[in-house]
Amino acid sequence: MKFSYREEGAVTILGPQGKIMGGADASLLHQRLYELIDKGRKKVVIDLSGVDWMNSSGLGILIGSLISLRNNGGDLRLACLNERIRNLLQVTKLDSIFDVHETVEGAIESFI
């Protein structure tokens, strides 16, 4: 999985590209999150505008990321979900677990 990375003040924005389907994707994202946590960067927005599909393993990656950040005093926001991913979160009832925003800017502002 490829992803972009940028910082806006105390918030880190990760932008995965393509499909999130588990396997090596999970390792890469978890490794990146733990690097951020070790650096004290605990407010993370995942910009899903570049993700066209996610399966149950992909959902597991997001859940694991949320748990890791919260266990370390941080939090996670999701932004820019396409209709397919939004429906997946609704069907699985995970839309009540994740803090979801229409825009990256809205997600960043929610940390304030």
PDB file of N, CA and C in Angstrom:
ATOM      1  N   MET A   1       0.846  -1.165   0.000  1.00  0.00           N
ATOM      2  CA  MET A   1       0.000   0.000   0.000  1.00  0.00           C
ATOM      3  C   MET A   1       0.895   1.233   0.000  1.00  0.00           C
ATOM      4  N   LYS A   2       0.566   2.162  -0.834  1.00  0.00           N
ATOM      5  CA  LYS A   2       1.247   3.449  -0.834  1.00  0.00           C
ATOM      6  C   LYS A   2       0.363   4.433  -0.080  1.00  0.00           C
ATOM      7  N   PHE A   3       1.016   5.386   0.578  1.00  0.00           N
ATOM      8  CA  PHE A   3       0.217   6.434   1.195  1.00  0.00           C
ATOM      9  C   PHE A   3       1.020   7.706   1.340  1.00  0.00           C
ATOM     10  N   SER A   4       0.274   8.811   1.306  1.00  0.00           N
ATOM     11  CA  SER A   4       0.898  10.109   1.521  1.00  0.00           C
ATOM     12  C   SER A   4       0.925  10.386   3.017  1.00  0.00           C
ATOM     13  N   TYR A   5       1.769  11.345   3.378  1.00  0.00           N
ATOM     14  CA  TYR A   5       1.948  11.678   4.786  1.00  0.00           C
ATOM     15  C   TYR A   5       2.210  13.174   4.879  1.00  0.00           C
ATOM     16  N   ARG A   6       1.495  13.840   5.777  1.00  0.00           N
ATOM     17  CA  ARG A   6       1.773  15.252   6.031  1.00  0.00           C
ATOM     18  C   ARG A   6       1.340  15.599   7.440  1.00  0.00           C
ATOM     19  N   GLU A   7       1.832  16.721   7.914  1.00  0.00           N
ATOM     20  CA  GLU A   7       1.493  17.172   9.257  1.00  0.00           C
ATOM     21  C   GLU A   7       0.858  18.549   9.184  1.00  0.00           C
ATOM     22  N   GLU A   8      -0.168  18.749   9.979  1.00  0.00           N
ATOM     23  CA  GLU A   8      -0.833  20.045  10.144  1.00  0.00           C
ATOM     24  C   GLU A   8      -0.840  20.322  11.630  1.00  0.00           C
ATOM     25  N   GLY A   9       0.111  21.086  12.105  1.00  0.00           N
ATOM     26  CA  GLY A   9       0.220  21.326  13.537  1.00  0.00           C
ATOM     27  C   GLY A   9       0.465  20.015  14.265  1.00  0.00           C
ATOM     28  N   ALA A  10      -0.399  19.716  15.234  1.00  0.00           N
ATOM     29  CA  ALA A  10      -0.249  18.492  16.037  1.00  0.00           C
ATOM     30  C   ALA A  10      -0.909  17.278  15.397  1.00  0.00           C
ATOM     31  N   VAL A  11      -1.518  17.459  14.230  1.00  0.00           N
ATOM     32  CA  VAL A  11      -2.262  16.372  13.576  1.00  0.00           C
ATOM     33  C   VAL A  11      -1.468  15.828  12.390  1.00  0.00           C
ATOM     34  N   THR A  12      -1.431  14.509  12.293  1.00  0.00           N
ATOM     35  CA  THR A  12      -0.792  13.827  11.169  1.00  0.00           C
ATOM     36  C   THR A  12      -1.884  13.294  10.255  1.00  0.00           C
ATOM     37  N   ILE A  13      -1.723  13.527   8.954  1.00  0.00           N
ATOM     38  CA  ILE A  13      -2.692  13.046   7.970  1.00  0.00           C
ATOM     39  C   ILE A  13      -2.021  11.979   7.122  1.00  0.00           C
ATOM     40  N   LEU A  14      -2.608  10.784   7.132  1.00  0.00           N
ATOM     41  CA  LEU A  14      -2.149   9.678   6.300  1.00  0.00           C
ATOM     42  C   LEU A  14      -3.166   9.477   5.184  1.00  0.00           C
ATOM     43  N   GLY A  15      -2.691   9.332   3.965  1.00  0.00           N
ATOM     44  CA  GLY A  15      -3.580   9.154   2.826  1.00  0.00           C
ATOM     45  C   GLY A  15      -3.259   7.887   2.058  1.00  0.00           C
ATOM     46  N   PRO A  16      -3.837   6.750   2.477  1.00  0.00           N
ATOM     47  CA  PRO A  16      -3.607   5.504   1.722  1.00  0.00           C
ATOM     48  C   PRO A  16      -4.196   5.596   0.314  1.00  0.00           C
ATOM     49  N   GLN A  17      -3.627   4.837  -0.605  1.00  0.00           N
ATOM     50  CA  GLN A  17      -4.062   4.829  -2.005  1.00  0.00           C
ATOM     51  C   GLN A  17      -4.412   3.414  -2.440  1.00  0.00           C
ATOM     52  N   GLY A  18      -5.485   3.276  -3.209  1.00  0.00           N
ATOM     53  CA  GLY A  18      -5.847   1.975  -3.775  1.00  0.00           C
ATOM     54  C   GLY A  18      -6.811   1.195  -2.917  1.00  0.00           C
ATOM     55  N   LYS A  19      -6.471  -0.048  -2.654  1.00  0.00           N
ATOM     56  CA  LYS A  19      -7.331  -0.941  -1.874  1.00  0.00           C
ATOM     57  C   LYS A  19      -6.681  -1.217  -0.517  1.00  0.00           C
ATOM     58  N   ILE A  20      -7.509  -1.352   0.521  1.00  0.00           N
ATOM     59  CA  ILE A  20      -7.012  -1.748   1.833  1.00  0.00           C
ATOM     60  C   ILE A  20      -7.592  -3.127   2.108  1.00  0.00           C
ATOM     61  N   MET A  21      -6.719  -4.148   2.048  1.00  0.00           N
ATOM     62  CA  MET A  21      -7.219  -5.515   2.096  1.00  0.00           C
ATOM     63  C   MET A  21      -6.462  -6.418   3.057  1.00  0.00           C
ATOM     64  N   GLY A  22      -5.695  -5.874   3.969  1.00  0.00           N
ATOM     65  CA  GLY A  22      -5.003  -6.710   4.943  1.00  0.00           C
ATOM     66  C   GLY A  22      -3.625  -7.127   4.472  1.00  0.00           C
ATOM     67  N   GLY A  23      -3.099  -8.153   5.104  1.00  0.00           N
ATOM     68  CA  GLY A  23      -1.778  -8.671   4.751  1.00  0.00           C
ATOM     69  C   GLY A  23      -0.683  -7.662   5.019  1.00  0.00           C
ATOM     70  N   ALA A  24       0.141  -7.422   4.011  1.00  0.00           N
ATOM     71  CA  ALA A  24       1.265  -6.491   4.147  1.00  0.00           C
ATOM     72  C   ALA A  24       0.780  -5.074   4.424  1.00  0.00           C
ATOM     73  N   ASP A  25      -0.423  -4.729   3.932  1.00  0.00           N
ATOM     74  CA  ASP A  25      -0.993  -3.406   4.190  1.00  0.00           C
ATOM     75  C   ASP A  25      -1.113  -3.142   5.684  1.00  0.00           C
ATOM     76  N   ALA A  26      -1.559  -4.142   6.410  1.00  0.00           N
ATOM     77  CA  ALA A  26      -1.746  -4.002   7.855  1.00  0.00           C
ATOM     78  C   ALA A  26      -0.415  -3.740   8.533  1.00  0.00           C
ATOM     79  N   SER A  27       0.601  -4.483   8.168  1.00  0.00           N
ATOM     80  CA  SER A  27       1.920  -4.315   8.771  1.00  0.00           C
ATOM     81  C   SER A  27       2.480  -2.929   8.500  1.00  0.00           C
ATOM     82  N   LEU A  28       2.342  -2.468   7.279  1.00  0.00           N
ATOM     83  CA  LEU A  28       2.872  -1.170   6.901  1.00  0.00           C
ATOM     84  C   LEU A  28       2.185  -0.043   7.670  1.00  0.00           C
ATOM     85  N   LEU A  29       0.870  -0.083   7.734  1.00  0.00           N
ATOM     86  CA  LEU A  29       0.137   0.969   8.443  1.00  0.00           C
ATOM     87  C   LEU A  29       0.417   0.917   9.937  1.00  0.00           C
ATOM     88  N   HIS A  30       0.417  -0.254  10.522  1.00  0.00           N
ATOM     89  CA  HIS A  30       0.708  -0.373  11.959  1.00  0.00           C
ATOM     90  C   HIS A  30       2.125   0.087  12.274  1.00  0.00           C
ATOM     91  N   GLN A  31       3.070  -0.255  11.427  1.00  0.00           N
ATOM     92  CA  GLN A  31       4.445   0.196  11.624  1.00  0.00           C
ATOM     93  C   GLN A  31       4.502   1.717  11.603  1.00  0.00           C
ATOM     94  N   ARG A  32       3.828   2.330  10.641  1.00  0.00           N
ATOM     95  CA  ARG A  32       3.814   3.793  10.529  1.00  0.00           C
ATOM     96  C   ARG A  32       3.158   4.420  11.756  1.00  0.00           C
ATOM     97  N   LEU A  33       2.064   3.842  12.228  1.00  0.00           N
ATOM     98  CA  LEU A  33       1.374   4.386  13.402  1.00  0.00           C
ATOM     99  C   LEU A  33       2.250   4.314  14.647  1.00  0.00           C
ATOM    100  N   TYR A  34       2.944   3.202  14.836  1.00  0.00           N
ATOM    101  CA  TYR A  34       3.802   3.084  16.007  1.00  0.00           C
ATOM    102  C   TYR A  34       4.995   4.038  15.932  1.00  0.00           C
ATOM    103  N   GLU A  35       5.476   4.300  14.723  1.00  0.00           N
ATOM    104  CA  GLU A  35       6.521   5.315  14.567  1.00  0.00           C
ATOM    105  C   GLU A  35       5.990   6.679  14.986  1.00  0.00           C
ATOM    106  N   LEU A  36       4.761   6.984  14.591  1.00  0.00           N
ATOM    107  CA  LEU A  36       4.149   8.260  14.971  1.00  0.00           C
ATOM    108  C   LEU A  36       3.956   8.354  16.481  1.00  0.00           C
ATOM    109  N   ILE A  37       3.448   7.284  17.066  1.00  0.00           N
ATOM    110  CA  ILE A  37       3.220   7.257  18.517  1.00  0.00           C
ATOM    111  C   ILE A  37       4.537   7.449  19.260  1.00  0.00           C
ATOM    112  N   ASP A  38       5.594   6.784  18.793  1.00  0.00           N
ATOM    113  CA  ASP A  38       6.915   6.921  19.422  1.00  0.00           C
ATOM    114  C   ASP A  38       7.428   8.353  19.347  1.00  0.00           C
ATOM    115  N   LYS A  39       7.030   9.082  18.295  1.00  0.00           N
ATOM    116  CA  LYS A  39       7.443  10.477  18.135  1.00  0.00           C
ATOM    117  C   LYS A  39       6.499  11.437  18.858  1.00  0.00           C
ATOM    118  N   GLY A  40       5.478  10.896  19.533  1.00  0.00           N
ATOM    119  CA  GLY A  40       4.525  11.743  20.232  1.00  0.00           C
ATOM    120  C   GLY A  40       3.421  12.287  19.345  1.00  0.00           C
ATOM    121  N   ARG A  41       3.297  11.789  18.123  1.00  0.00           N
ATOM    122  CA  ARG A  41       2.259  12.230  17.174  1.00  0.00           C
ATOM    123  C   ARG A  41       1.062  11.304  17.337  1.00  0.00           C
ATOM    124  N   LYS A  42       0.096  11.709  18.150  1.00  0.00           N
ATOM    125  CA  LYS A  42      -0.995  10.818  18.523  1.00  0.00           C
ATOM    126  C   LYS A  42      -2.359  11.240  17.988  1.00  0.00           C
ATOM    127  N   LYS A  43      -2.412  12.318  17.236  1.00  0.00           N
ATOM    128  CA  LYS A  43      -3.655  12.745  16.592  1.00  0.00           C
ATOM    129  C   LYS A  43      -3.511  12.450  15.107  1.00  0.00           C
ATOM    130  N   VAL A  44      -4.304  11.499  14.622  1.00  0.00           N
ATOM    131  CA  VAL A  44      -4.137  11.027  13.247  1.00  0.00           C
ATOM    132  C   VAL A  44      -5.459  11.081  12.496  1.00  0.00           C
ATOM    133  N   VAL A  45      -5.391  11.600  11.281  1.00  0.00           N
ATOM    134  CA  VAL A  45      -6.511  11.575  10.342  1.00  0.00           C
ATOM    135  C   VAL A  45      -6.113  10.651   9.211  1.00  0.00           C
ATOM    136  N   ILE A  46      -6.992   9.717   8.882  1.00  0.00           N
ATOM    137  CA  ILE A  46      -6.766   8.884   7.700  1.00  0.00           C
ATOM    138  C   ILE A  46      -7.701   9.395   6.607  1.00  0.00           C
ATOM    139  N   ASP A  47      -7.096   9.958   5.571  1.00  0.00           N
ATOM    140  CA  ASP A  47      -7.809  10.508   4.415  1.00  0.00           C
ATOM    141  C   ASP A  47      -8.049   9.363   3.440  1.00  0.00           C
ATOM    142  N   LEU A  48      -9.299   8.939   3.341  1.00  0.00           N
ATOM    143  CA  LEU A  48      -9.636   7.781   2.511  1.00  0.00           C
ATOM    144  C   LEU A  48     -10.071   8.156   1.094  1.00  0.00           C
ATOM    145  N   SER A  49      -9.811   9.394   0.680  1.00  0.00           N
ATOM    146  CA  SER A  49     -10.231   9.823  -0.659  1.00  0.00           C
ATOM    147  C   SER A  49      -9.546   9.022  -1.768  1.00  0.00           C
ATOM    148  N   GLY A  50      -8.370   8.470  -1.502  1.00  0.00           N
ATOM    149  CA  GLY A  50      -7.655   7.691  -2.506  1.00  0.00           C
ATOM    150  C   GLY A  50      -7.890   6.195  -2.425  1.00  0.00           C
ATOM    151  N   VAL A  51      -8.809   5.775  -1.544  1.00  0.00           N
ATOM    152  CA  VAL A  51      -9.090   4.345  -1.361  1.00  0.00           C
ATOM    153  C   VAL A  51     -10.382   4.011  -2.092  1.00  0.00           C
ATOM    154  N   ASP A  52     -10.296   3.079  -3.041  1.00  0.00           N
ATOM    155  CA  ASP A  52     -11.493   2.729  -3.794  1.00  0.00           C
ATOM    156  C   ASP A  52     -12.202   1.490  -3.266  1.00  0.00           C
ATOM    157  N   TRP A  53     -11.519   0.700  -2.438  1.00  0.00           N
ATOM    158  CA  TRP A  53     -12.170  -0.479  -1.880  1.00  0.00           C
ATOM    159  C   TRP A  53     -11.478  -0.902  -0.596  1.00  0.00           C
ATOM    160  N   MET A  54     -12.285  -1.500   0.287  1.00  0.00           N
ATOM    161  CA  MET A  54     -11.774  -2.020   1.550  1.00  0.00           C
ATOM    162  C   MET A  54     -12.596  -3.254   1.891  1.00  0.00           C
ATOM    163  N   ASN A  55     -11.931  -4.316   2.330  1.00  0.00           N
ATOM    164  CA  ASN A  55     -12.659  -5.511   2.756  1.00  0.00           C
ATOM    165  C   ASN A  55     -12.649  -5.585   4.287  1.00  0.00           C
ATOM    166  N   SER A  56     -13.073  -6.713   4.830  1.00  0.00           N
ATOM    167  CA  SER A  56     -13.139  -6.854   6.291  1.00  0.00           C
ATOM    168  C   SER A  56     -11.749  -6.772   6.927  1.00  0.00           C
ATOM    169  N   SER A  57     -10.734  -7.235   6.221  1.00  0.00           N
ATOM    170  CA  SER A  57      -9.371  -7.104   6.743  1.00  0.00           C
ATOM    171  C   SER A  57      -8.964  -5.637   6.812  1.00  0.00           C
ATOM    172  N   GLY A  58      -9.384  -4.874   5.834  1.00  0.00           N
ATOM    173  CA  GLY A  58      -9.125  -3.434   5.840  1.00  0.00           C
ATOM    174  C   GLY A  58      -9.805  -2.756   7.019  1.00  0.00           C
ATOM    175  N   LEU A  59     -11.038  -3.167   7.308  1.00  0.00           N
ATOM    176  CA  LEU A  59     -11.730  -2.645   8.490  1.00  0.00           C
ATOM    177  C   LEU A  59     -10.966  -3.005   9.757  1.00  0.00           C
ATOM    178  N   GLY A  60     -10.438  -4.222   9.789  1.00  0.00           N
ATOM    179  CA  GLY A  60      -9.643  -4.655  10.936  1.00  0.00           C
ATOM    180  C   GLY A  60      -8.411  -3.779  11.130  1.00  0.00           C
ATOM    181  N   ILE A  61      -7.793  -3.361  10.021  1.00  0.00           N
ATOM    182  CA  ILE A  61      -6.635  -2.477  10.092  1.00  0.00           C
ATOM    183  C   ILE A  61      -7.041  -1.150  10.739  1.00  0.00           C
ATOM    184  N   LEU A  62      -8.174  -0.606  10.309  1.00  0.00           N
ATOM    185  CA  LEU A  62      -8.638   0.671  10.878  1.00  0.00           C
ATOM    186  C   LEU A  62      -8.986   0.533  12.353  1.00  0.00           C
ATOM    187  N   ILE A  63      -9.648  -0.564  12.711  1.00  0.00           N
ATOM    188  CA  ILE A  63      -9.999  -0.798  14.121  1.00  0.00           C
ATOM    189  C   ILE A  63      -8.731  -0.930  14.957  1.00  0.00           C
ATOM    190  N   GLY A  64      -7.768  -1.705  14.472  1.00  0.00           N
ATOM    191  CA  GLY A  64      -6.503  -1.860  15.183  1.00  0.00           C
ATOM    192  C   GLY A  64      -5.776  -0.536  15.346  1.00  0.00           C
ATOM    193  N   SER A  65      -5.841   0.308  14.320  1.00  0.00           N
ATOM    194  CA  SER A  65      -5.214   1.624  14.384  1.00  0.00           C
ATOM    195  C   SER A  65      -5.880   2.500  15.441  1.00  0.00           C
ATOM    196  N   LEU A  66      -7.197   2.475  15.458  1.00  0.00           N
ATOM    197  CA  LEU A  66      -7.952   3.244  16.452  1.00  0.00           C
ATOM    198  C   LEU A  66      -7.602   2.793  17.866  1.00  0.00           C
ATOM    199  N   ILE A  67      -7.580   1.503  18.085  1.00  0.00           N
ATOM    200  CA  ILE A  67      -7.268   0.954  19.410  1.00  0.00           C
ATOM    201  C   ILE A  67      -5.839   1.313  19.819  1.00  0.00           C
ATOM    202  N   SER A  68      -4.895   1.159  18.907  1.00  0.00           N
ATOM    203  CA  SER A  68      -3.499   1.476  19.218  1.00  0.00           C
ATOM    204  C   SER A  68      -3.336   2.931  19.625  1.00  0.00           C
ATOM    205  N   LEU A  69      -3.952   3.818  18.865  1.00  0.00           N
ATOM    206  CA  LEU A  69      -3.837   5.237  19.186  1.00  0.00           C
ATOM    207  C   LEU A  69      -4.504   5.561  20.518  1.00  0.00           C
ATOM    208  N   ARG A  70      -5.701   5.055  20.731  1.00  0.00           N
ATOM    209  CA  ARG A  70      -6.403   5.341  21.982  1.00  0.00           C
ATOM    210  C   ARG A  70      -5.675   4.750  23.189  1.00  0.00           C
ATOM    211  N   ASN A  71      -5.092   3.587  23.045  1.00  0.00           N
ATOM    212  CA  ASN A  71      -4.338   2.978  24.145  1.00  0.00           C
ATOM    213  C   ASN A  71      -3.089   3.772  24.491  1.00  0.00           C
ATOM    214  N   ASN A  72      -2.657   4.616  23.570  1.00  0.00           N
ATOM    215  CA  ASN A  72      -1.464   5.429  23.787  1.00  0.00           C
ATOM    216  C   ASN A  72      -1.800   6.913  23.966  1.00  0.00           C
ATOM    217  N   GLY A  73      -3.047   7.193  24.327  1.00  0.00           N
ATOM    218  CA  GLY A  73      -3.448   8.566  24.615  1.00  0.00           C
ATOM    219  C   GLY A  73      -3.771   9.413  23.402  1.00  0.00           C
ATOM    220  N   GLY A  74      -3.978   8.780  22.263  1.00  0.00           N
ATOM    221  CA  GLY A  74      -4.280   9.513  21.039  1.00  0.00           C
ATOM    222  C   GLY A  74      -5.667   9.200  20.523  1.00  0.00           C
ATOM    223  N   ASP A  75      -5.915   9.606  19.279  1.00  0.00           N
ATOM    224  CA  ASP A  75      -7.201   9.306  18.662  1.00  0.00           C
ATOM    225  C   ASP A  75      -7.058   9.344  17.146  1.00  0.00           C
ATOM    226  N   LEU A  76      -8.076   8.832  16.476  1.00  0.00           N
ATOM    227  CA  LEU A  76      -8.084   8.675  15.029  1.00  0.00           C
ATOM    228  C   LEU A  76      -9.372   9.236  14.470  1.00  0.00           C
ATOM    229  N   ARG A  77      -9.259   9.914  13.342  1.00  0.00           N
ATOM    230  CA  ARG A  77     -10.422  10.388  12.593  1.00  0.00           C
ATOM    231  C   ARG A  77     -10.318   9.835  11.170  1.00  0.00           C
ATOM    232  N   LEU A  78     -11.475   9.565  10.569  1.00  0.00           N
ATOM    233  CA  LEU A  78     -11.536   9.154   9.167  1.00  0.00           C
ATOM    234  C   LEU A  78     -12.144  10.299   8.370  1.00  0.00           C
ATOM    235  N   ALA A  79     -11.636  10.518   7.159  1.00  0.00           N
ATOM    236  CA  ALA A  79     -12.144  11.601   6.321  1.00  0.00           C
ATOM    237  C   ALA A  79     -12.268  11.155   4.875  1.00  0.00           C
ATOM    238  N   CYS A  80     -13.192  11.798   4.170  1.00  0.00           N
ATOM    239  CA  CYS A  80     -13.341  11.650   2.719  1.00  0.00           C
ATOM    240  C   CYS A  80     -13.654  10.223   2.275  1.00  0.00           C
ATOM    241  N   LEU A  81     -14.599   9.576   2.926  1.00  0.00           N
ATOM    242  CA  LEU A  81     -14.994   8.224   2.555  1.00  0.00           C
ATOM    243  C   LEU A  81     -15.846   8.261   1.299  1.00  0.00           C
ATOM    244  N   ASN A  82     -15.594   7.321   0.380  1.00  0.00           N
ATOM    245  CA  ASN A  82     -16.489   7.212  -0.766  1.00  0.00           C
ATOM    246  C   ASN A  82     -17.752   6.460  -0.326  1.00  0.00           C
ATOM    247  N   GLU A  83     -18.721   6.399  -1.196  1.00  0.00           N
ATOM    248  CA  GLU A  83     -20.016   5.796  -0.853  1.00  0.00           C
ATOM    249  C   GLU A  83     -19.886   4.324  -0.469  1.00  0.00           C
ATOM    250  N   ARG A  84     -19.032   3.592  -1.153  1.00  0.00           N
ATOM    251  CA  ARG A  84     -18.862   2.157  -0.859  1.00  0.00           C
ATOM    252  C   ARG A  84     -18.316   1.940   0.551  1.00  0.00           C
ATOM    253  N   ILE A  85     -17.313   2.718   0.913  1.00  0.00           N
ATOM    254  CA  ILE A  85     -16.715   2.562   2.240  1.00  0.00           C
ATOM    255  C   ILE A  85     -17.668   3.071   3.318  1.00  0.00           C
ATOM    256  N   ARG A  86     -18.360   4.163   3.042  1.00  0.00           N
ATOM    257  CA  ARG A  86     -19.358   4.680   3.990  1.00  0.00           C
ATOM    258  C   ARG A  86     -20.435   3.620   4.243  1.00  0.00           C
ATOM    259  N   ASN A  87     -20.912   2.969   3.181  1.00  0.00           N
ATOM    260  CA  ASN A  87     -21.925   1.909   3.323  1.00  0.00           C
ATOM    261  C   ASN A  87     -21.376   0.722   4.112  1.00  0.00           C
ATOM    262  N   LEU A  88     -20.119   0.371   3.870  1.00  0.00           N
ATOM    263  CA  LEU A  88     -19.484  -0.723   4.603  1.00  0.00           C
ATOM    264  C   LEU A  88     -19.454  -0.418   6.103  1.00  0.00           C
ATOM    265  N   LEU A  89     -19.108   0.806   6.464  1.00  0.00           N
ATOM    266  CA  LEU A  89     -19.101   1.192   7.879  1.00  0.00           C
ATOM    267  C   LEU A  89     -20.510   1.163   8.474  1.00  0.00           C
ATOM    268  N   GLN A  90     -21.503   1.581   7.694  1.00  0.00           N
ATOM    269  CA  GLN A  90     -22.884   1.575   8.190  1.00  0.00           C
ATOM    270  C   GLN A  90     -23.395   0.154   8.391  1.00  0.00           C
ATOM    271  N   VAL A  91     -23.150  -0.725   7.426  1.00  0.00           N
ATOM    272  CA  VAL A  91     -23.626  -2.104   7.511  1.00  0.00           C
ATOM    273  C   VAL A  91     -23.007  -2.826   8.704  1.00  0.00           C
ATOM    274  N   THR A  92     -21.738  -2.548   8.964  1.00  0.00           N
ATOM    275  CA  THR A  92     -21.044  -3.200  10.071  1.00  0.00           C
ATOM    276  C   THR A  92     -21.229  -2.465  11.399  1.00  0.00           C
ATOM    277  N   LYS A  93     -21.969  -1.362  11.372  1.00  0.00           N
ATOM    278  CA  LYS A  93     -22.229  -0.519  12.557  1.00  0.00           C
ATOM    279  C   LYS A  93     -20.963   0.150  13.090  1.00  0.00           C
ATOM    280  N   LEU A  94     -19.902   0.160  12.312  1.00  0.00           N
ATOM    281  CA  LEU A  94     -18.659   0.794  12.738  1.00  0.00           C
ATOM    282  C   LEU A  94     -18.709   2.317  12.594  1.00  0.00           C
ATOM    283  N   ASP A  95     -19.735   2.816  11.904  1.00  0.00           N
ATOM    284  CA  ASP A  95     -19.883   4.268  11.803  1.00  0.00           C
ATOM    285  C   ASP A  95     -20.169   4.900  13.168  1.00  0.00           C
ATOM    286  N   SER A  96     -20.593   4.084  14.140  1.00  0.00           N
ATOM    287  CA  SER A  96     -20.814   4.603  15.491  1.00  0.00           C
ATOM    288  C   SER A  96     -19.525   4.547  16.332  1.00  0.00           C
ATOM    289  N   ILE A  97     -18.515   3.849  15.851  1.00  0.00           N
ATOM    290  CA  ILE A  97     -17.239   3.717  16.556  1.00  0.00           C
ATOM    291  C   ILE A  97     -16.239   4.771  16.075  1.00  0.00           C
ATOM    292  N   PHE A  98     -16.207   4.977  14.771  1.00  0.00           N
ATOM    293  CA  PHE A  98     -15.256   5.913  14.187  1.00  0.00           C
ATOM    294  C   PHE A  98     -15.835   7.320  14.132  1.00  0.00           C
ATOM    295  N   ASP A  99     -14.965   8.293  14.281  1.00  0.00           N
ATOM    296  CA  ASP A  99     -15.316   9.699  14.107  1.00  0.00           C
ATOM    297  C   ASP A  99     -15.058  10.019  12.637  1.00  0.00           C
ATOM    298  N   VAL A 100     -16.131  10.120  11.851  1.00  0.00           N
ATOM    299  CA  VAL A 100     -16.036  10.260  10.406  1.00  0.00           C
ATOM    300  C   VAL A 100     -16.367  11.698   9.994  1.00  0.00           C
ATOM    301  N   HIS A 101     -15.559  12.232   9.063  1.00  0.00           N
ATOM    302  CA  HIS A 101     -15.740  13.609   8.595  1.00  0.00           C
ATOM    303  C   HIS A 101     -15.762  13.655   7.078  1.00  0.00           C
ATOM    304  N   GLU A 102     -16.500  14.626   6.543  1.00  0.00           N
ATOM    305  CA  GLU A 102     -16.599  14.797   5.096  1.00  0.00           C
ATOM    306  C   GLU A 102     -15.281  15.257   4.497  1.00  0.00           C
ATOM    307  N   THR A 103     -14.545  16.101   5.240  1.00  0.00           N
ATOM    308  CA  THR A 103     -13.303  16.664   4.722  1.00  0.00           C
ATOM    309  C   THR A 103     -12.148  16.427   5.703  1.00  0.00           C
ATOM    310  N   VAL A 104     -10.942  16.494   5.180  1.00  0.00           N
ATOM    311  CA  VAL A 104      -9.755  16.400   6.036  1.00  0.00           C
ATOM    312  C   VAL A 104      -9.714  17.597   6.977  1.00  0.00           C
ATOM    313  N   GLU A 105     -10.063  18.768   6.461  1.00  0.00           N
ATOM    314  CA  GLU A 105     -10.050  19.979   7.288  1.00  0.00           C
ATOM    315  C   GLU A 105     -11.004  19.854   8.469  1.00  0.00           C
ATOM    316  N   GLY A 106     -12.188  19.297   8.221  1.00  0.00           N
ATOM    317  CA  GLY A 106     -13.160  19.069   9.302  1.00  0.00           C
ATOM    318  C   GLY A 106     -12.634  18.091  10.335  1.00  0.00           C
ATOM    319  N   ALA A 107     -11.932  17.066   9.877  1.00  0.00           N
ATOM    320  CA  ALA A 107     -11.350  16.079  10.796  1.00  0.00           C
ATOM    321  C   ALA A 107     -10.262  16.722  11.647  1.00  0.00           C
ATOM    322  N   ILE A 108      -9.429  17.548  11.014  1.00  0.00           N
ATOM    323  CA  ILE A 108      -8.364  18.235  11.756  1.00  0.00           C
ATOM    324  C   ILE A 108      -8.978  19.150  12.815  1.00  0.00           C
ATOM    325  N   GLU A 109      -9.974  19.922  12.416  1.00  0.00           N
ATOM    326  CA  GLU A 109     -10.625  20.853  13.347  1.00  0.00           C
ATOM    327  C   GLU A 109     -11.292  20.141  14.517  1.00  0.00           C
ATOM    328  N   SER A 110     -11.725  18.902  14.327  1.00  0.00           N
ATOM    329  CA  SER A 110     -12.400  18.178  15.397  1.00  0.00           C
ATOM    330  C   SER A 110     -11.463  17.857  16.560  1.00  0.00           C
ATOM    331  N   PHE A 111     -10.160  17.928  16.327  1.00  0.00           N
ATOM    332  CA  PHE A 111      -9.192  17.696  17.403  1.00  0.00           C
ATOM    333  C   PHE A 111      -9.036  18.918  18.313  1.00  0.00           C
ATOM    334  N   ILE A 112      -9.516  20.059  17.845  1.00  0.00           N
ATOM    335  CA  ILE A 112      -9.339  21.304  18.621  1.00  0.00           C
ATOM    336  C   ILE A 112     -10.389  21.417  19.711  1.00  0.00           C
TER     337      ILE A 112
END
